[in-house]
Amino acid sequence: MKVIGLTGGIASGKSTVSNYLKSKDIPVIDADQIAREIVNIGQPALEEICLNFGSKILNADRSLNRKALGEIVFSNDKLLKKLNEITHPRIISRIINRIELYRESKKNSIVFVDAALLIEMNMRQLVDEVWLVKVDKETQRRRLMDRDGFSFAEAENRINAQMSMEEKVNFADVVIDNNNGIDYLYTQIQKRLDGLTGNFSEG
């Protein structure tokens, strides 16, 4: 079984690629989904976050207020590092477990790990190759402002909290360009899939 890491900066279009893969019945382990699971009510990670950041990062029902937490950590490198120390080991552990479940089932020849911070979290050793969805910074910023309602400064903080696209390219085995529309994006993905196995044809 081949394990491929799918990564890209925030608002790069990585989710669009992930959804395309799922439409082809290719398993995708979603690090963002796992990140949400580990901070559900009653989870140790949420309790540890509260101890470090206070109850102001909770909603009235005691669930995590992700926006409030984001406003705190994405403007302070030290606090972001602390949050990552709490969450990243737990995320990686669950990803490893899910990879092993797919491996043991012997039902899939290929599995993707969708993780924006795949490189920053040193998860390259978990995958056989890395696919990077690349987009220019101006497009990232515009998408964050239009899609998520971020101010210019908030969008910049989110982008700058991650490794730059230029740096990420150095770690990628495959670079998928997402600056030229969705049809071109899909064409690139399909070509790569066909090159891997020949079993993921259109339709």
N, C-alpha and C. Protein backbone atom coordinates (compact mmCIF):
# COMPACT_ATOMS: atom_id res chain seq x y z
N MET A 1 0.83 -1.20 0.00
CA MET A 1 0.00 0.00 0.00
C MET A 1 0.87 1.25 0.00
N LYS A 2 0.55 2.16 -0.89
CA LYS A 2 1.30 3.41 -0.98
C LYS A 2 0.58 4.49 -0.19
N VAL A 3 1.34 5.22 0.63
CA VAL A 3 0.79 6.32 1.42
C VAL A 3 1.34 7.63 0.87
N ILE A 4 0.44 8.53 0.48
CA ILE A 4 0.84 9.80 -0.11
C ILE A 4 0.37 10.94 0.78
N GLY A 5 1.28 11.85 1.09
CA GLY A 5 0.94 13.03 1.86
C GLY A 5 0.45 14.13 0.94
N LEU A 6 -0.70 14.69 1.25
CA LEU A 6 -1.26 15.81 0.48
C LEU A 6 -1.17 17.06 1.35
N THR A 7 -0.44 18.06 0.88
CA THR A 7 -0.27 19.26 1.69
C THR A 7 -0.35 20.51 0.83
N GLY A 8 -0.32 21.64 1.48
CA GLY A 8 -0.42 22.93 0.80
C GLY A 8 -0.69 23.99 1.84
N GLY A 9 -0.43 25.22 1.52
CA GLY A 9 -0.70 26.29 2.46
C GLY A 9 -2.19 26.47 2.69
N ILE A 10 -2.54 27.24 3.68
CA ILE A 10 -3.93 27.55 3.96
C ILE A 10 -4.56 28.21 2.73
N ALA A 11 -5.80 27.81 2.42
CA ALA A 11 -6.54 28.36 1.28
C ALA A 11 -5.84 28.11 -0.06
N SER A 12 -5.13 26.99 -0.14
CA SER A 12 -4.42 26.65 -1.38
C SER A 12 -5.29 25.85 -2.34
N GLY A 13 -6.42 25.33 -1.83
CA GLY A 13 -7.27 24.46 -2.64
C GLY A 13 -7.05 22.99 -2.35
N LYS A 14 -6.36 22.71 -1.26
CA LYS A 14 -6.07 21.33 -0.87
C LYS A 14 -7.34 20.53 -0.65
N SER A 15 -8.35 21.16 -0.06
CA SER A 15 -9.62 20.46 0.19
C SER A 15 -10.31 20.07 -1.11
N THR A 16 -10.16 20.90 -2.13
CA THR A 16 -10.73 20.58 -3.44
C THR A 16 -10.08 19.33 -4.01
N VAL A 17 -8.76 19.24 -3.85
CA VAL A 17 -8.03 18.05 -4.30
C VAL A 17 -8.49 16.83 -3.49
N SER A 18 -8.60 17.00 -2.19
CA SER A 18 -9.03 15.92 -1.31
C SER A 18 -10.41 15.41 -1.70
N ASN A 19 -11.32 16.32 -1.99
CA ASN A 19 -12.68 15.92 -2.38
C ASN A 19 -12.68 15.19 -3.72
N TYR A 20 -11.80 15.59 -4.62
CA TYR A 20 -11.69 14.89 -5.90
C TYR A 20 -11.22 13.45 -5.68
N LEU A 21 -10.23 13.28 -4.81
CA LEU A 21 -9.73 11.94 -4.51
C LEU A 21 -10.84 11.07 -3.92
N LYS A 22 -11.61 11.65 -2.99
CA LYS A 22 -12.71 10.90 -2.38
C LYS A 22 -13.76 10.52 -3.41
N SER A 23 -13.98 11.40 -4.40
CA SER A 23 -14.96 11.10 -5.45
C SER A 23 -14.53 9.89 -6.29
N LYS A 24 -13.23 9.58 -6.25
CA LYS A 24 -12.69 8.42 -6.94
C LYS A 24 -12.57 7.21 -6.01
N ASP A 25 -13.20 7.33 -4.83
CA ASP A 25 -13.19 6.26 -3.82
C ASP A 25 -11.79 5.95 -3.31
N ILE A 26 -10.95 6.97 -3.27
CA ILE A 26 -9.61 6.82 -2.71
C ILE A 26 -9.65 7.29 -1.26
N PRO A 27 -9.22 6.46 -0.31
CA PRO A 27 -9.27 6.86 1.10
C PRO A 27 -8.38 8.08 1.38
N VAL A 28 -8.92 9.00 2.17
CA VAL A 28 -8.17 10.19 2.58
C VAL A 28 -8.27 10.33 4.09
N ILE A 29 -7.14 10.30 4.76
CA ILE A 29 -7.08 10.55 6.20
C ILE A 29 -6.93 12.06 6.39
N ASP A 30 -7.91 12.68 7.02
CA ASP A 30 -7.99 14.14 7.11
C ASP A 30 -7.46 14.63 8.45
N ALA A 31 -6.30 15.28 8.43
CA ALA A 31 -5.69 15.77 9.67
C ALA A 31 -6.54 16.85 10.33
N ASP A 32 -7.23 17.67 9.54
CA ASP A 32 -8.10 18.71 10.11
C ASP A 32 -9.25 18.08 10.89
N GLN A 33 -9.81 17.02 10.34
CA GLN A 33 -10.90 16.32 11.03
C GLN A 33 -10.39 15.73 12.34
N ILE A 34 -9.21 15.14 12.30
CA ILE A 34 -8.62 14.57 13.52
C ILE A 34 -8.34 15.67 14.53
N ALA A 35 -7.86 16.83 14.05
CA ALA A 35 -7.59 17.96 14.94
C ALA A 35 -8.86 18.42 15.65
N ARG A 36 -10.00 18.32 14.97
CA ARG A 36 -11.27 18.67 15.62
C ARG A 36 -11.70 17.60 16.62
N GLU A 37 -11.45 16.34 16.27
CA GLU A 37 -11.83 15.23 17.16
C GLU A 37 -11.11 15.32 18.50
N ILE A 38 -9.83 15.66 18.47
CA ILE A 38 -9.05 15.61 19.71
C ILE A 38 -9.38 16.75 20.67
N VAL A 39 -10.12 17.76 20.19
CA VAL A 39 -10.50 18.86 21.09
C VAL A 39 -12.00 18.87 21.37
N ASN A 40 -12.66 17.72 21.13
CA ASN A 40 -14.06 17.61 21.51
C ASN A 40 -14.21 17.68 23.02
N ILE A 41 -15.41 18.00 23.47
CA ILE A 41 -15.67 18.07 24.91
C ILE A 41 -15.30 16.75 25.57
N GLY A 42 -14.55 16.84 26.67
CA GLY A 42 -14.14 15.65 27.41
C GLY A 42 -12.80 15.08 27.00
N GLN A 43 -12.24 15.57 25.89
CA GLN A 43 -10.95 15.07 25.43
C GLN A 43 -9.81 15.72 26.24
N PRO A 44 -8.77 14.94 26.56
CA PRO A 44 -7.64 15.49 27.34
C PRO A 44 -7.00 16.72 26.70
N ALA A 45 -6.94 16.76 25.38
CA ALA A 45 -6.31 17.91 24.71
C ALA A 45 -7.06 19.20 25.01
N LEU A 46 -8.40 19.14 25.04
CA LEU A 46 -9.18 20.34 25.33
C LEU A 46 -8.94 20.80 26.76
N GLU A 47 -8.86 19.85 27.67
CA GLU A 47 -8.60 20.20 29.07
C GLU A 47 -7.23 20.87 29.21
N GLU A 48 -6.24 20.35 28.49
CA GLU A 48 -4.90 20.93 28.56
C GLU A 48 -4.86 22.33 27.93
N ILE A 49 -5.61 22.51 26.85
CA ILE A 49 -5.69 23.83 26.22
C ILE A 49 -6.31 24.84 27.18
N CYS A 50 -7.37 24.43 27.89
CA CYS A 50 -8.02 25.32 28.87
C CYS A 50 -7.07 25.71 29.99
N LEU A 51 -6.27 24.76 30.43
CA LEU A 51 -5.31 25.04 31.50
C LEU A 51 -4.30 26.10 31.06
N ASN A 52 -3.93 26.07 29.80
CA ASN A 52 -2.90 26.97 29.29
C ASN A 52 -3.44 28.30 28.78
N PHE A 53 -4.67 28.29 28.27
CA PHE A 53 -5.20 29.50 27.63
C PHE A 53 -6.41 30.09 28.33
N GLY A 54 -6.94 29.39 29.33
CA GLY A 54 -8.07 29.92 30.09
C GLY A 54 -9.42 29.60 29.46
N SER A 55 -10.48 29.80 30.25
CA SER A 55 -11.83 29.45 29.81
C SER A 55 -12.38 30.40 28.75
N LYS A 56 -11.66 31.49 28.48
CA LYS A 56 -12.12 32.44 27.45
C LYS A 56 -12.13 31.82 26.05
N ILE A 57 -11.46 30.68 25.90
CA ILE A 57 -11.43 30.05 24.58
C ILE A 57 -12.54 28.99 24.44
N LEU A 58 -13.48 29.00 25.40
CA LEU A 58 -14.60 28.06 25.35
C LEU A 58 -15.90 28.77 25.00
N ASN A 59 -16.78 28.04 24.32
CA ASN A 59 -18.14 28.51 24.10
C ASN A 59 -18.97 28.28 25.37
N ALA A 60 -20.21 28.75 25.35
CA ALA A 60 -21.07 28.59 26.53
C ALA A 60 -21.31 27.13 26.87
N ASP A 61 -21.29 26.25 25.85
CA ASP A 61 -21.52 24.82 26.10
C ASP A 61 -20.24 24.06 26.44
N ARG A 62 -19.16 24.81 26.66
CA ARG A 62 -17.84 24.27 27.04
C ARG A 62 -17.10 23.64 25.86
N SER A 63 -17.60 23.80 24.66
CA SER A 63 -16.86 23.35 23.48
C SER A 63 -15.82 24.41 23.11
N LEU A 64 -14.85 24.03 22.29
CA LEU A 64 -13.78 24.96 21.93
C LEU A 64 -14.28 26.03 20.97
N ASN A 65 -13.99 27.28 21.30
CA ASN A 65 -14.25 28.40 20.40
C ASN A 65 -12.99 28.59 19.55
N ARG A 66 -12.99 27.99 18.38
CA ARG A 66 -11.79 27.97 17.54
C ARG A 66 -11.38 29.37 17.10
N LYS A 67 -12.37 30.24 16.88
CA LYS A 67 -12.06 31.60 16.45
C LYS A 67 -11.34 32.37 17.57
N ALA A 68 -11.84 32.22 18.80
CA ALA A 68 -11.22 32.90 19.93
C ALA A 68 -9.79 32.41 20.15
N LEU A 69 -9.61 31.10 20.05
CA LEU A 69 -8.26 30.53 20.21
C LEU A 69 -7.35 31.01 19.09
N GLY A 70 -7.87 31.03 17.87
CA GLY A 70 -7.08 31.48 16.72
C GLY A 70 -6.61 32.91 16.87
N GLU A 71 -7.48 33.77 17.39
CA GLU A 71 -7.11 35.17 17.57
C GLU A 71 -5.95 35.31 18.56
N ILE A 72 -5.88 34.40 19.50
CA ILE A 72 -4.80 34.44 20.50
C ILE A 72 -3.49 33.92 19.92
N VAL A 73 -3.53 32.75 19.30
CA VAL A 73 -2.28 32.07 18.93
C VAL A 73 -1.67 32.54 17.62
N PHE A 74 -2.51 33.00 16.68
CA PHE A 74 -1.95 33.34 15.37
C PHE A 74 -1.32 34.73 15.33
N SER A 75 -1.31 35.40 16.47
CA SER A 75 -0.58 36.67 16.55
C SER A 75 0.55 36.58 17.58
N ASN A 76 0.82 35.35 18.05
CA ASN A 76 1.84 35.16 19.08
C ASN A 76 2.54 33.81 18.84
N ASP A 77 3.75 33.85 18.33
CA ASP A 77 4.48 32.63 17.98
C ASP A 77 4.67 31.70 19.17
N LYS A 78 4.93 32.27 20.33
CA LYS A 78 5.17 31.46 21.53
C LYS A 78 3.92 30.67 21.93
N LEU A 79 2.77 31.35 21.87
CA LEU A 79 1.52 30.68 22.22
C LEU A 79 1.12 29.65 21.17
N LEU A 80 1.39 29.94 19.91
CA LEU A 80 1.11 28.98 18.85
C LEU A 80 1.96 27.72 19.04
N LYS A 81 3.20 27.92 19.42
CA LYS A 81 4.10 26.78 19.67
C LYS A 81 3.56 25.92 20.81
N LYS A 82 3.04 26.58 21.85
CA LYS A 82 2.49 25.85 22.99
C LYS A 82 1.27 25.03 22.56
N LEU A 83 0.39 25.64 21.77
CA LEU A 83 -0.79 24.92 21.29
C LEU A 83 -0.37 23.71 20.46
N ASN A 84 0.61 23.91 19.59
CA ASN A 84 1.09 22.81 18.74
C ASN A 84 1.68 21.67 19.57
N GLU A 85 2.35 22.01 20.67
CA GLU A 85 2.92 20.99 21.55
C GLU A 85 1.82 20.12 22.18
N ILE A 86 0.66 20.72 22.38
CA ILE A 86 -0.47 19.99 22.96
C ILE A 86 -1.15 19.12 21.91
N THR A 87 -1.35 19.67 20.73
CA THR A 87 -2.19 18.98 19.73
C THR A 87 -1.43 18.08 18.76
N HIS A 88 -0.26 18.50 18.31
CA HIS A 88 0.41 17.77 17.23
C HIS A 88 0.72 16.31 17.55
N PRO A 89 1.28 15.99 18.73
CA PRO A 89 1.55 14.57 19.01
C PRO A 89 0.29 13.70 18.96
N ARG A 90 -0.82 14.26 19.43
CA ARG A 90 -2.08 13.51 19.42
C ARG A 90 -2.59 13.30 17.99
N ILE A 91 -2.45 14.33 17.17
CA ILE A 91 -2.88 14.22 15.77
C ILE A 91 -2.05 13.17 15.04
N ILE A 92 -0.74 13.23 15.22
CA ILE A 92 0.16 12.29 14.56
C ILE A 92 -0.14 10.85 14.99
N SER A 93 -0.39 10.65 16.27
CA SER A 93 -0.68 9.32 16.79
C SER A 93 -1.93 8.73 16.13
N ARG A 94 -2.96 9.55 15.97
CA ARG A 94 -4.19 9.05 15.34
C ARG A 94 -4.00 8.79 13.85
N ILE A 95 -3.20 9.62 13.20
CA ILE A 95 -2.92 9.39 11.78
C ILE A 95 -2.19 8.06 11.59
N ILE A 96 -1.19 7.81 12.43
CA ILE A 96 -0.45 6.54 12.36
C ILE A 96 -1.40 5.36 12.55
N ASN A 97 -2.29 5.47 13.53
CA ASN A 97 -3.25 4.38 13.78
C ASN A 97 -4.13 4.12 12.57
N ARG A 98 -4.57 5.18 11.91
CA ARG A 98 -5.47 5.00 10.77
C ARG A 98 -4.73 4.45 9.55
N ILE A 99 -3.49 4.86 9.37
CA ILE A 99 -2.69 4.27 8.29
C ILE A 99 -2.56 2.77 8.51
N GLU A 100 -2.29 2.38 9.75
CA GLU A 100 -2.12 0.96 10.06
C GLU A 100 -3.41 0.18 9.84
N LEU A 101 -4.55 0.79 10.16
CA LEU A 101 -5.83 0.12 9.93
C LEU A 101 -6.04 -0.15 8.44
N TYR A 102 -5.72 0.84 7.61
CA TYR A 102 -5.83 0.64 6.16
C TYR A 102 -4.85 -0.43 5.68
N ARG A 103 -3.65 -0.42 6.26
CA ARG A 103 -2.64 -1.39 5.84
C ARG A 103 -3.08 -2.82 6.21
N GLU A 104 -3.64 -2.95 7.40
CA GLU A 104 -4.08 -4.27 7.86
C GLU A 104 -5.27 -4.79 7.07
N SER A 105 -6.12 -3.87 6.61
CA SER A 105 -7.32 -4.30 5.86
C SER A 105 -6.98 -4.86 4.48
N LYS A 106 -5.83 -4.41 3.94
CA LYS A 106 -5.36 -4.86 2.61
C LYS A 106 -6.40 -4.64 1.51
N LYS A 107 -7.24 -3.63 1.68
CA LYS A 107 -8.29 -3.35 0.70
C LYS A 107 -7.92 -2.22 -0.26
N ASN A 108 -6.89 -1.46 0.08
CA ASN A 108 -6.55 -0.28 -0.70
C ASN A 108 -5.09 -0.30 -1.14
N SER A 109 -4.85 0.05 -2.39
CA SER A 109 -3.48 0.11 -2.88
C SER A 109 -2.85 1.47 -2.63
N ILE A 110 -3.70 2.46 -2.30
CA ILE A 110 -3.22 3.82 -2.09
C ILE A 110 -4.09 4.53 -1.06
N VAL A 111 -3.45 5.27 -0.17
CA VAL A 111 -4.15 6.08 0.84
C VAL A 111 -3.46 7.44 0.91
N PHE A 112 -4.27 8.48 1.00
CA PHE A 112 -3.72 9.83 1.14
C PHE A 112 -3.86 10.33 2.58
N VAL A 113 -2.87 11.09 3.02
CA VAL A 113 -2.94 11.81 4.30
C VAL A 113 -3.01 13.29 3.97
N ASP A 114 -4.16 13.90 4.23
CA ASP A 114 -4.40 15.31 3.93
C ASP A 114 -4.03 16.13 5.16
N ALA A 115 -2.92 16.87 5.08
CA ALA A 115 -2.45 17.63 6.24
C ALA A 115 -1.74 18.91 5.80
N ALA A 116 -2.32 20.05 6.16
CA ALA A 116 -1.72 21.33 5.79
C ALA A 116 -0.31 21.48 6.36
N LEU A 117 -0.09 20.91 7.55
CA LEU A 117 1.21 21.04 8.22
C LEU A 117 2.03 19.75 8.15
N LEU A 118 1.83 18.99 7.12
CA LEU A 118 2.54 17.72 6.95
C LEU A 118 4.05 17.90 7.10
N ILE A 119 4.58 18.93 6.47
CA ILE A 119 6.03 19.17 6.49
C ILE A 119 6.45 19.75 7.83
N GLU A 120 5.70 20.77 8.29
CA GLU A 120 6.05 21.42 9.56
C GLU A 120 5.98 20.46 10.74
N MET A 121 5.09 19.47 10.67
CA MET A 121 4.92 18.51 11.76
C MET A 121 5.82 17.29 11.61
N ASN A 122 6.74 17.35 10.66
CA ASN A 122 7.69 16.25 10.45
C ASN A 122 7.00 14.91 10.21
N MET A 123 5.95 14.94 9.40
CA MET A 123 5.24 13.71 9.08
C MET A 123 5.68 13.09 7.76
N ARG A 124 6.71 13.63 7.16
CA ARG A 124 7.16 13.08 5.88
C ARG A 124 7.59 11.63 5.99
N GLN A 125 8.09 11.25 7.17
CA GLN A 125 8.53 9.87 7.34
C GLN A 125 7.35 8.89 7.38
N LEU A 126 6.12 9.41 7.50
CA LEU A 126 4.94 8.54 7.53
C LEU A 126 4.42 8.23 6.14
N VAL A 127 4.90 8.98 5.14
CA VAL A 127 4.36 8.82 3.78
C VAL A 127 5.47 8.43 2.81
N ASP A 128 5.05 7.88 1.66
CA ASP A 128 6.01 7.46 0.64
C ASP A 128 6.39 8.60 -0.29
N GLU A 129 5.46 9.54 -0.48
CA GLU A 129 5.76 10.73 -1.26
C GLU A 129 4.83 11.86 -0.86
N VAL A 130 5.22 13.09 -1.22
CA VAL A 130 4.47 14.28 -0.83
C VAL A 130 3.96 14.99 -2.08
N TRP A 131 2.64 15.27 -2.09
CA TRP A 131 2.03 16.09 -3.13
C TRP A 131 1.73 17.46 -2.53
N LEU A 132 2.18 18.49 -3.19
CA LEU A 132 1.96 19.86 -2.71
C LEU A 132 1.01 20.60 -3.66
N VAL A 133 -0.07 21.15 -3.10
CA VAL A 133 -0.97 22.01 -3.88
C VAL A 133 -0.45 23.44 -3.73
N LYS A 134 -0.03 24.02 -4.84
CA LYS A 134 0.66 25.31 -4.81
C LYS A 134 -0.22 26.41 -5.39
N VAL A 135 -0.24 27.54 -4.70
CA VAL A 135 -0.99 28.71 -5.14
C VAL A 135 -0.21 29.94 -4.70
N ASP A 136 -0.38 31.05 -5.40
CA ASP A 136 0.37 32.25 -5.02
C ASP A 136 -0.24 32.89 -3.77
N LYS A 137 0.59 33.66 -3.06
CA LYS A 137 0.19 34.22 -1.77
C LYS A 137 -0.99 35.17 -1.89
N GLU A 138 -1.02 35.93 -2.96
CA GLU A 138 -2.12 36.88 -3.16
C GLU A 138 -3.46 36.15 -3.24
N THR A 139 -3.46 35.00 -3.91
CA THR A 139 -4.69 34.21 -4.02
C THR A 139 -5.07 33.64 -2.66
N GLN A 140 -4.09 33.16 -1.91
CA GLN A 140 -4.36 32.68 -0.55
C GLN A 140 -5.04 33.76 0.28
N ARG A 141 -4.45 34.95 0.27
CA ARG A 141 -4.96 36.05 1.08
C ARG A 141 -6.39 36.41 0.67
N ARG A 142 -6.63 36.50 -0.64
CA ARG A 142 -7.96 36.86 -1.13
C ARG A 142 -9.00 35.82 -0.72
N ARG A 143 -8.63 34.54 -0.82
CA ARG A 143 -9.57 33.48 -0.45
C ARG A 143 -9.91 33.55 1.04
N LEU A 144 -8.92 33.79 1.87
CA LEU A 144 -9.16 33.88 3.32
C LEU A 144 -10.07 35.05 3.66
N MET A 145 -9.86 36.17 2.98
CA MET A 145 -10.67 37.35 3.25
C MET A 145 -12.09 37.17 2.73
N ASP A 146 -12.23 36.59 1.55
CA ASP A 146 -13.56 36.39 0.95
C ASP A 146 -14.31 35.24 1.59
N ARG A 147 -13.60 34.13 1.81
CA ARG A 147 -14.24 32.90 2.29
C ARG A 147 -14.51 32.93 3.79
N ASP A 148 -13.52 33.38 4.55
CA ASP A 148 -13.59 33.30 6.01
C ASP A 148 -13.84 34.63 6.70
N GLY A 149 -13.88 35.71 5.92
CA GLY A 149 -14.16 37.01 6.51
C GLY A 149 -13.01 37.60 7.31
N PHE A 150 -11.79 37.12 7.05
CA PHE A 150 -10.63 37.64 7.76
C PHE A 150 -10.28 39.04 7.26
N SER A 151 -9.72 39.85 8.16
CA SER A 151 -9.14 41.12 7.74
C SER A 151 -7.83 40.83 7.02
N PHE A 152 -7.26 41.86 6.38
CA PHE A 152 -5.97 41.68 5.70
C PHE A 152 -4.93 41.17 6.69
N ALA A 153 -4.88 41.79 7.89
CA ALA A 153 -3.88 41.41 8.90
C ALA A 153 -4.10 39.99 9.40
N GLU A 154 -5.36 39.61 9.61
CA GLU A 154 -5.65 38.25 10.08
C GLU A 154 -5.24 37.22 9.03
N ALA A 155 -5.52 37.52 7.77
CA ALA A 155 -5.14 36.61 6.69
C ALA A 155 -3.62 36.46 6.62
N GLU A 156 -2.92 37.58 6.74
CA GLU A 156 -1.45 37.55 6.72
C GLU A 156 -0.91 36.71 7.87
N ASN A 157 -1.49 36.87 9.07
CA ASN A 157 -1.04 36.11 10.23
C ASN A 157 -1.21 34.61 10.01
N ARG A 158 -2.33 34.22 9.43
CA ARG A 158 -2.59 32.79 9.18
C ARG A 158 -1.60 32.24 8.16
N ILE A 159 -1.35 32.99 7.10
CA ILE A 159 -0.42 32.54 6.06
C ILE A 159 1.00 32.46 6.61
N ASN A 160 1.39 33.49 7.36
CA ASN A 160 2.76 33.56 7.86
C ASN A 160 3.04 32.57 8.99
N ALA A 161 1.97 32.00 9.58
CA ALA A 161 2.16 31.00 10.63
C ALA A 161 2.62 29.67 10.05
N GLN A 162 2.53 29.53 8.72
CA GLN A 162 2.95 28.30 8.06
C GLN A 162 4.23 28.54 7.26
N MET A 163 4.90 27.45 6.95
CA MET A 163 6.05 27.52 6.06
C MET A 163 5.61 28.09 4.72
N SER A 164 6.46 28.89 4.09
CA SER A 164 6.10 29.50 2.81
C SER A 164 6.01 28.44 1.71
N MET A 165 5.24 28.75 0.67
CA MET A 165 5.12 27.84 -0.47
C MET A 165 6.49 27.55 -1.09
N GLU A 166 7.31 28.58 -1.17
CA GLU A 166 8.64 28.43 -1.78
C GLU A 166 9.46 27.40 -1.02
N GLU A 167 9.36 27.41 0.31
CA GLU A 167 10.08 26.42 1.12
C GLU A 167 9.48 25.03 0.96
N LYS A 168 8.14 24.97 0.93
CA LYS A 168 7.47 23.67 0.85
C LYS A 168 7.81 22.93 -0.44
N VAL A 169 8.00 23.68 -1.51
CA VAL A 169 8.32 23.06 -2.80
C VAL A 169 9.56 22.17 -2.68
N ASN A 170 10.50 22.56 -1.83
CA ASN A 170 11.74 21.80 -1.67
C ASN A 170 11.51 20.41 -1.08
N PHE A 171 10.37 20.22 -0.42
CA PHE A 171 10.07 18.93 0.21
C PHE A 171 9.09 18.09 -0.59
N ALA A 172 8.60 18.64 -1.70
CA ALA A 172 7.54 17.97 -2.47
C ALA A 172 8.09 17.07 -3.57
N ASP A 173 7.46 15.91 -3.72
CA ASP A 173 7.78 15.03 -4.85
C ASP A 173 6.94 15.40 -6.07
N VAL A 174 5.74 15.91 -5.80
CA VAL A 174 4.82 16.32 -6.86
C VAL A 174 4.25 17.69 -6.50
N VAL A 175 4.28 18.63 -7.44
CA VAL A 175 3.70 19.96 -7.23
C VAL A 175 2.49 20.11 -8.15
N ILE A 176 1.34 20.40 -7.55
CA ILE A 176 0.09 20.59 -8.30
C ILE A 176 -0.24 22.08 -8.30
N ASP A 177 -0.27 22.67 -9.48
CA ASP A 177 -0.51 24.11 -9.63
C ASP A 177 -2.01 24.40 -9.56
N ASN A 178 -2.40 25.27 -8.62
CA ASN A 178 -3.81 25.63 -8.49
C ASN A 178 -4.04 27.12 -8.74
N ASN A 179 -3.30 27.67 -9.69
CA ASN A 179 -3.47 29.08 -10.05
C ASN A 179 -4.27 29.26 -11.34
N ASN A 180 -4.70 28.15 -11.97
CA ASN A 180 -5.27 28.26 -13.31
C ASN A 180 -6.63 27.59 -13.48
N GLY A 181 -7.42 27.58 -12.43
CA GLY A 181 -8.78 27.08 -12.56
C GLY A 181 -8.94 25.61 -12.22
N ILE A 182 -10.19 25.24 -11.93
CA ILE A 182 -10.47 23.91 -11.40
C ILE A 182 -10.30 22.81 -12.45
N ASP A 183 -10.61 23.09 -13.71
CA ASP A 183 -10.46 22.07 -14.75
C ASP A 183 -9.00 21.65 -14.89
N TYR A 184 -8.12 22.63 -14.88
CA TYR A 184 -6.68 22.33 -14.98
C TYR A 184 -6.21 21.59 -13.74
N LEU A 185 -6.76 21.97 -12.59
CA LEU A 185 -6.42 21.29 -11.34
C LEU A 185 -6.79 19.81 -11.42
N TYR A 186 -8.03 19.53 -11.84
CA TYR A 186 -8.49 18.15 -11.94
C TYR A 186 -7.67 17.34 -12.95
N THR A 187 -7.31 17.99 -14.05
CA THR A 187 -6.51 17.30 -15.07
C THR A 187 -5.17 16.85 -14.51
N GLN A 188 -4.54 17.72 -13.72
CA GLN A 188 -3.25 17.37 -13.12
C GLN A 188 -3.38 16.20 -12.15
N ILE A 189 -4.42 16.25 -11.31
CA ILE A 189 -4.62 15.18 -10.32
C ILE A 189 -4.84 13.85 -11.03
N GLN A 190 -5.73 13.85 -12.02
CA GLN A 190 -6.05 12.61 -12.72
C GLN A 190 -4.82 12.03 -13.41
N LYS A 191 -4.03 12.90 -14.00
CA LYS A 191 -2.81 12.44 -14.68
C LYS A 191 -1.87 11.76 -13.69
N ARG A 192 -1.75 12.35 -12.51
CA ARG A 192 -0.88 11.77 -11.48
C ARG A 192 -1.43 10.44 -10.98
N LEU A 193 -2.73 10.37 -10.79
CA LEU A 193 -3.34 9.12 -10.33
C LEU A 193 -3.17 8.01 -11.36
N ASP A 194 -3.39 8.34 -12.62
CA ASP A 194 -3.21 7.35 -13.68
C ASP A 194 -1.77 6.87 -13.74
N GLY A 195 -0.84 7.78 -13.48
CA GLY A 195 0.57 7.42 -13.47
C GLY A 195 0.94 6.50 -12.32
N LEU A 196 0.19 6.61 -11.22
CA LEU A 196 0.46 5.78 -10.05
C LEU A 196 0.01 4.34 -10.25
N THR A 197 -1.23 4.17 -10.71
CA THR A 197 -1.80 2.82 -10.74
C THR A 197 -2.45 2.45 -12.06
N GLY A 198 -2.91 3.46 -12.79
CA GLY A 198 -3.66 3.17 -14.01
C GLY A 198 -5.07 2.70 -13.74
N ASN A 199 -5.47 2.70 -12.44
CA ASN A 199 -6.79 2.15 -12.08
C ASN A 199 -7.82 3.21 -11.72
N PHE A 200 -7.46 4.47 -11.83
CA PHE A 200 -8.38 5.52 -11.40
C PHE A 200 -8.79 6.38 -12.58
N SER A 201 -9.39 5.78 -13.56
CA SER A 201 -9.78 6.49 -14.78
C SER A 201 -10.99 7.36 -14.52
N GLU A 202 -11.25 8.29 -15.43
CA GLU A 202 -12.39 9.19 -15.31
C GLU A 202 -13.69 8.40 -15.38
N GLY A 203 -14.72 8.98 -14.73
CA GLY A 203 -16.05 8.38 -14.82
C GLY A 203 -16.37 7.49 -13.64
